[in-house]
C-alpha atoms as a PDB file:
ATOM      1  CA  UNK A   1      32.217 -13.831 -68.227  1.00  0.00           C
ATOM      2  CA  UNK A   2      29.351 -11.499 -67.433  1.00  0.00           C
ATOM      3  CA  UNK A   3      30.592  -8.051 -68.385  1.00  0.00           C
ATOM      4  CA  UNK A   4      27.380  -6.267 -67.415  1.00  0.00           C
ATOM      5  CA  UNK A   5      27.728  -7.096 -63.718  1.00  0.00           C
ATOM      6  CA  UNK A   6      30.476  -4.581 -62.966  1.00  0.00           C
ATOM      7  CA  UNK A   7      29.547  -1.906 -65.514  1.00  0.00           C
ATOM      8  CA  UNK A   8      26.660   0.266 -66.439  1.00  0.00           C
ATOM      9  CA  UNK A   9      25.126  -1.462 -69.503  1.00  0.00           C
ATOM     10  CA  UNK A  10      24.552   1.950 -71.115  1.00  0.00           C
ATOM     11  CA  UNK A  11      28.325   2.358 -71.483  1.00  0.00           C
ATOM     12  CA  UNK A  12      28.393   0.092 -74.537  1.00  0.00           C
ATOM     13  CA  UNK A  13      28.093   0.650 -78.282  1.00  0.00           C
ATOM     14  CA  UNK A  14      26.477  -2.096 -80.317  1.00  0.00           C
ATOM     15  CA  UNK A  15      28.530  -3.615 -83.147  1.00  0.00           C
ATOM     16  CA  UNK A  16      25.720  -5.594 -84.791  1.00  0.00           C
ATOM     17  CA  UNK A  17      22.903  -4.178 -86.965  1.00  0.00           C
ATOM     18  CA  UNK A  18      19.865  -2.842 -85.088  1.00  0.00           C
ATOM     19  CA  UNK A  19      17.559  -4.940 -87.251  1.00  0.00           C
ATOM     20  CA  UNK A  20      17.621  -8.712 -86.929  1.00  0.00           C
ATOM     21  CA  UNK A  21      19.289 -11.417 -88.955  1.00  0.00           C
ATOM     22  CA  UNK A  22      18.101 -15.045 -88.909  1.00  0.00           C
ATOM     23  CA  UNK A  23      21.583 -16.254 -89.903  1.00  0.00           C
ATOM     24  CA  UNK A  24      23.552 -14.651 -87.082  1.00  0.00           C
ATOM     25  CA  UNK A  25      25.124 -17.037 -84.586  1.00  0.00           C
ATOM     26  CA  UNK A  26      25.684 -15.768 -81.060  1.00  0.00           C
ATOM     27  CA  UNK A  27      28.139 -17.303 -78.623  1.00  0.00           C
ATOM     28  CA  UNK A  28      29.344 -16.509 -75.139  1.00  0.00           C
ATOM     29  CA  UNK A  29      32.969 -15.447 -74.663  1.00  0.00           C
ATOM     30  CA  UNK A  30      33.672 -19.104 -73.810  1.00  0.00           C
ATOM     31  CA  UNK A  31      32.294 -20.199 -77.201  1.00  0.00           C
ATOM     32  CA  UNK A  32      28.916 -21.686 -76.217  1.00  0.00           C
ATOM     33  CA  UNK A  33      26.259 -21.132 -78.905  1.00  0.00           C
ATOM     34  CA  UNK A  34      23.263 -19.429 -77.260  1.00  0.00           C
ATOM     35  CA  UNK A  35      21.251 -18.308 -80.302  1.00  0.00           C
ATOM     36  CA  UNK A  36      20.924 -18.614 -84.046  1.00  0.00           C
ATOM     37  CA  UNK A  37      19.313 -15.429 -85.341  1.00  0.00           C
ATOM     38  CA  UNK A  38      17.818 -12.383 -83.644  1.00  0.00           C
ATOM     39  CA  UNK A  39      14.991  -9.931 -84.253  1.00  0.00           C
ATOM     40  CA  UNK A  40      16.407  -6.551 -83.227  1.00  0.00           C
ATOM     41  CA  UNK A  41      18.392  -4.548 -80.709  1.00  0.00           C
ATOM     42  CA  UNK A  42      16.199  -2.820 -78.109  1.00  0.00           C
ATOM     43  CA  UNK A  43      17.331   0.337 -76.318  1.00  0.00           C
ATOM     44  CA  UNK A  44      15.884   1.204 -72.940  1.00  0.00           C
ATOM     45  CA  UNK A  45      16.878   2.889 -69.710  1.00  0.00           C
ATOM     46  CA  UNK A  46      19.181  -0.042 -68.946  1.00  0.00           C
ATOM     47  CA  UNK A  47      21.013   0.153 -72.257  1.00  0.00           C
ATOM     48  CA  UNK A  48      20.936  -2.063 -75.345  1.00  0.00           C
ATOM     49  CA  UNK A  49      19.660  -5.641 -75.354  1.00  0.00           C
ATOM     50  CA  UNK A  50      19.538  -8.149 -78.204  1.00  0.00           C
ATOM     51  CA  UNK A  51      16.058  -9.597 -78.709  1.00  0.00           C
ATOM     52  CA  UNK A  52      15.527 -13.249 -79.634  1.00  0.00           C
ATOM     53  CA  UNK A  53      12.454 -15.257 -80.551  1.00  0.00           C
ATOM     54  CA  UNK A  54      12.078 -18.651 -78.834  1.00  0.00           C
ATOM     55  CA  UNK A  55      13.048 -20.364 -82.123  1.00  0.00           C
ATOM     56  CA  UNK A  56      16.380 -18.485 -82.107  1.00  0.00           C
ATOM     57  CA  UNK A  57      17.473 -19.726 -78.687  1.00  0.00           C
ATOM     58  CA  UNK A  58      19.696 -22.758 -78.145  1.00  0.00           C
ATOM     59  CA  UNK A  59      17.630 -23.831 -75.153  1.00  0.00           C
ATOM     60  CA  UNK A  60      20.024 -26.640 -74.246  1.00  0.00           C
ATOM     61  CA  UNK A  61      22.614 -23.906 -73.533  1.00  0.00           C
ATOM     62  CA  UNK A  62      20.613 -22.138 -70.820  1.00  0.00           C
ATOM     63  CA  UNK A  63      19.248 -23.047 -67.391  1.00  0.00           C
ATOM     64  CA  UNK A  64      17.252 -21.413 -64.623  1.00  0.00           C
ATOM     65  CA  UNK A  65      19.581 -20.963 -61.638  1.00  0.00           C
ATOM     66  CA  UNK A  66      18.427 -22.185 -58.250  1.00  0.00           C
ATOM     67  CA  UNK A  67      18.091 -18.652 -56.849  1.00  0.00           C
ATOM     68  CA  UNK A  68      15.702 -17.666 -59.683  1.00  0.00           C
ATOM     69  CA  UNK A  69      13.408 -20.703 -59.646  1.00  0.00           C
ATOM     70  CA  UNK A  70      10.846 -18.906 -57.480  1.00  0.00           C
ATOM     71  CA  UNK A  71       9.881 -16.943 -60.605  1.00  0.00           C
ATOM     72  CA  UNK A  72       8.407 -20.151 -62.043  1.00  0.00           C
ATOM     73  CA  UNK A  73       6.242 -20.807 -58.984  1.00  0.00           C
ATOM     74  CA  UNK A  74       2.519 -20.653 -59.793  1.00  0.00           C
ATOM     75  CA  UNK A  75       1.989 -18.067 -57.028  1.00  0.00           C
ATOM     76  CA  UNK A  76       4.340 -15.593 -58.758  1.00  0.00           C
ATOM     77  CA  UNK A  77       4.149 -16.646 -62.392  1.00  0.00           C
ATOM     78  CA  UNK A  78       1.648 -13.940 -63.414  1.00  0.00           C
ATOM     79  CA  UNK A  79       3.367 -11.219 -61.398  1.00  0.00           C
ATOM     80  CA  UNK A  80       7.014 -11.463 -62.453  1.00  0.00           C
ATOM     81  CA  UNK A  81       8.251  -9.341 -65.336  1.00  0.00           C
ATOM     82  CA  UNK A  82      10.840 -11.869 -66.507  1.00  0.00           C
ATOM     83  CA  UNK A  83      12.320 -15.292 -65.868  1.00  0.00           C
ATOM     84  CA  UNK A  84      16.072 -15.336 -65.336  1.00  0.00           C
ATOM     85  CA  UNK A  85      18.181 -17.905 -67.165  1.00  0.00           C
ATOM     86  CA  UNK A  86      21.968 -18.326 -67.175  1.00  0.00           C
ATOM     87  CA  UNK A  87      24.194 -19.979 -69.752  1.00  0.00           C
ATOM     88  CA  UNK A  88      25.607 -23.404 -68.889  1.00  0.00           C
ATOM     89  CA  UNK A  89      29.224 -22.665 -69.831  1.00  0.00           C
ATOM     90  CA  UNK A  90      30.377 -20.936 -66.641  1.00  0.00           C
ATOM     91  CA  UNK A  91      29.277 -19.995 -63.159  1.00  0.00           C
ATOM     92  CA  UNK A  92      27.247 -17.860 -62.855  1.00  0.00           C
ATOM     93  CA  UNK A  93      26.988 -17.720 -66.669  1.00  0.00           C
ATOM     94  CA  UNK A  94      25.663 -15.009 -68.946  1.00  0.00           C
ATOM     95  CA  UNK A  95      22.293 -13.654 -67.821  1.00  0.00           C
ATOM     96  CA  UNK A  96      19.389 -14.298 -70.201  1.00  0.00           C
ATOM     97  CA  UNK A  97      15.978 -12.739 -69.631  1.00  0.00           C
ATOM     98  CA  UNK A  98      12.733 -14.321 -70.807  1.00  0.00           C
ATOM     99  CA  UNK A  99      10.196 -11.508 -70.773  1.00  0.00           C
ATOM    100  CA  UNK A 100       6.771 -12.268 -69.271  1.00  0.00           C
ATOM    101  CA  UNK A 101       5.256  -8.778 -68.970  1.00  0.00           C
ATOM    102  CA  UNK A 102       5.712  -5.343 -70.478  1.00  0.00           C
ATOM    103  CA  UNK A 103       7.722  -2.727 -68.581  1.00  0.00           C
ATOM    104  CA  UNK A 104       7.773   1.077 -68.646  1.00  0.00           C
ATOM    105  CA  UNK A 105      11.531   1.466 -69.180  1.00  0.00           C
ATOM    106  CA  UNK A 106      11.966  -0.430 -72.487  1.00  0.00           C
ATOM    107  CA  UNK A 107      10.068  -1.918 -75.419  1.00  0.00           C
ATOM    108  CA  UNK A 108      10.589  -5.511 -74.295  1.00  0.00           C
ATOM    109  CA  UNK A 109       7.958  -7.890 -75.643  1.00  0.00           C
ATOM    110  CA  UNK A 110       6.471 -10.768 -73.637  1.00  0.00           C
ATOM    111  CA  UNK A 111       7.525 -14.170 -74.956  1.00  0.00           C
ATOM    112  CA  UNK A 112      10.953 -13.003 -76.157  1.00  0.00           C
ATOM    113  CA  UNK A 113      14.467 -13.492 -74.779  1.00  0.00           C
ATOM    114  CA  UNK A 114      16.951 -10.682 -74.125  1.00  0.00           C
ATOM    115  CA  UNK A 115      20.730 -10.660 -73.601  1.00  0.00           C
ATOM    116  CA  UNK A 116      23.025  -7.672 -73.177  1.00  0.00           C
ATOM    117  CA  UNK A 117      25.258  -7.498 -76.297  1.00  0.00           C
ATOM    118  CA  UNK A 118      28.447  -7.050 -74.255  1.00  0.00           C
ATOM    119  CA  UNK A 119      27.995 -10.680 -73.161  1.00  0.00           C
ATOM    120  CA  UNK A 120      27.819 -11.963 -76.754  1.00  0.00           C
ATOM    121  CA  UNK A 121      30.216 -12.717 -79.573  1.00  0.00           C
ATOM    122  CA  UNK A 122      28.989 -12.829 -83.159  1.00  0.00           C
ATOM    123  CA  UNK A 123      31.164 -13.941 -86.082  1.00  0.00           C
ATOM    124  CA  UNK A 124      34.201 -13.868 -83.811  1.00  0.00           C
ATOM    125  CA  UNK A 125      33.622 -10.238 -82.783  1.00  0.00           C
ATOM    126  CA  UNK A 126      32.056  -8.776 -79.638  1.00  0.00           C
ATOM    127  CA  UNK A 127      28.417  -7.739 -80.197  1.00  0.00           C
ATOM    128  CA  UNK A 128      29.148  -4.570 -78.180  1.00  0.00           C
ATOM    129  CA  UNK A 129      32.221  -2.614 -77.145  1.00  0.00           C
ATOM    130  CA  UNK A 130      32.782   0.027 -74.507  1.00  0.00           C
ATOM    131  CA  UNK A 131      31.368   3.328 -75.735  1.00  0.00           C
ATOM    132  CA  UNK A 132      34.608   5.107 -74.910  1.00  0.00           C
ATOM    133  CA  UNK A 133      36.299   3.049 -77.657  1.00  0.00           C
ATOM    134  CA  UNK A 134      33.603   3.731 -80.253  1.00  0.00           C
ATOM    135  CA  UNK A 135      32.453   7.051 -81.685  1.00  0.00           C
ATOM    136  CA  UNK A 136      28.984   6.096 -82.909  1.00  0.00           C
ATOM    137  CA  UNK A 137      26.174   4.029 -81.478  1.00  0.00           C
ATOM    138  CA  UNK A 138      26.456   1.360 -84.167  1.00  0.00           C
ATOM    139  CA  UNK A 139      29.485   0.084 -86.016  1.00  0.00           C
ATOM    140  CA  UNK A 140      29.263  -0.044 -89.814  1.00  0.00           C
ATOM    141  CA  UNK A 141      28.283  -3.688 -89.951  1.00  0.00           C
ATOM    142  CA  UNK A 142      26.126  -5.363 -92.555  1.00  0.00           C
ATOM    143  CA  UNK A 143      25.509  -8.574 -90.707  1.00  0.00           C
ATOM    144  CA  UNK A 144      26.690 -10.996 -88.119  1.00  0.00           C
ATOM    145  CA  UNK A 145      27.123 -14.198 -90.070  1.00  0.00           C
ATOM    146  CA  UNK A 146      28.678 -17.535 -89.177  1.00  0.00           C
ATOM    147  CA  UNK A 147      32.243 -18.032 -90.321  1.00  0.00           C
ATOM    148  CA  UNK A 148      32.570 -20.311 -93.305  1.00  0.00           C
END
């Protein structure tokens, strides 16, 4: 399920804390673990995105789709802004960005991964909900911890 595809990503309110948590476990709607921990939520022209360090990512859960492999080609490697990954649990899967270069529209950092929070579940709850259902930008949430 890729909820961003048919909606403007700015239409969502984030339900996780803006600052990171190394104990948070993120899954897709299908239940695939994609990350353990995050650094922060970044807001740019394209809405909110959850930022992950390479050590947070469950790399076995993501793949580069055939149509995006050109971004890895040596001829383009230094020119592309990001490498597109998709989760392995569905087709096409949740879109995951690996940032290569800075951009003018958001504070994305090279060497970090980004996923729209509407595509993530944390502690059994969506990491973002439609803004029309939420009054504030952030829910009152202390953390996104694994269920015990």
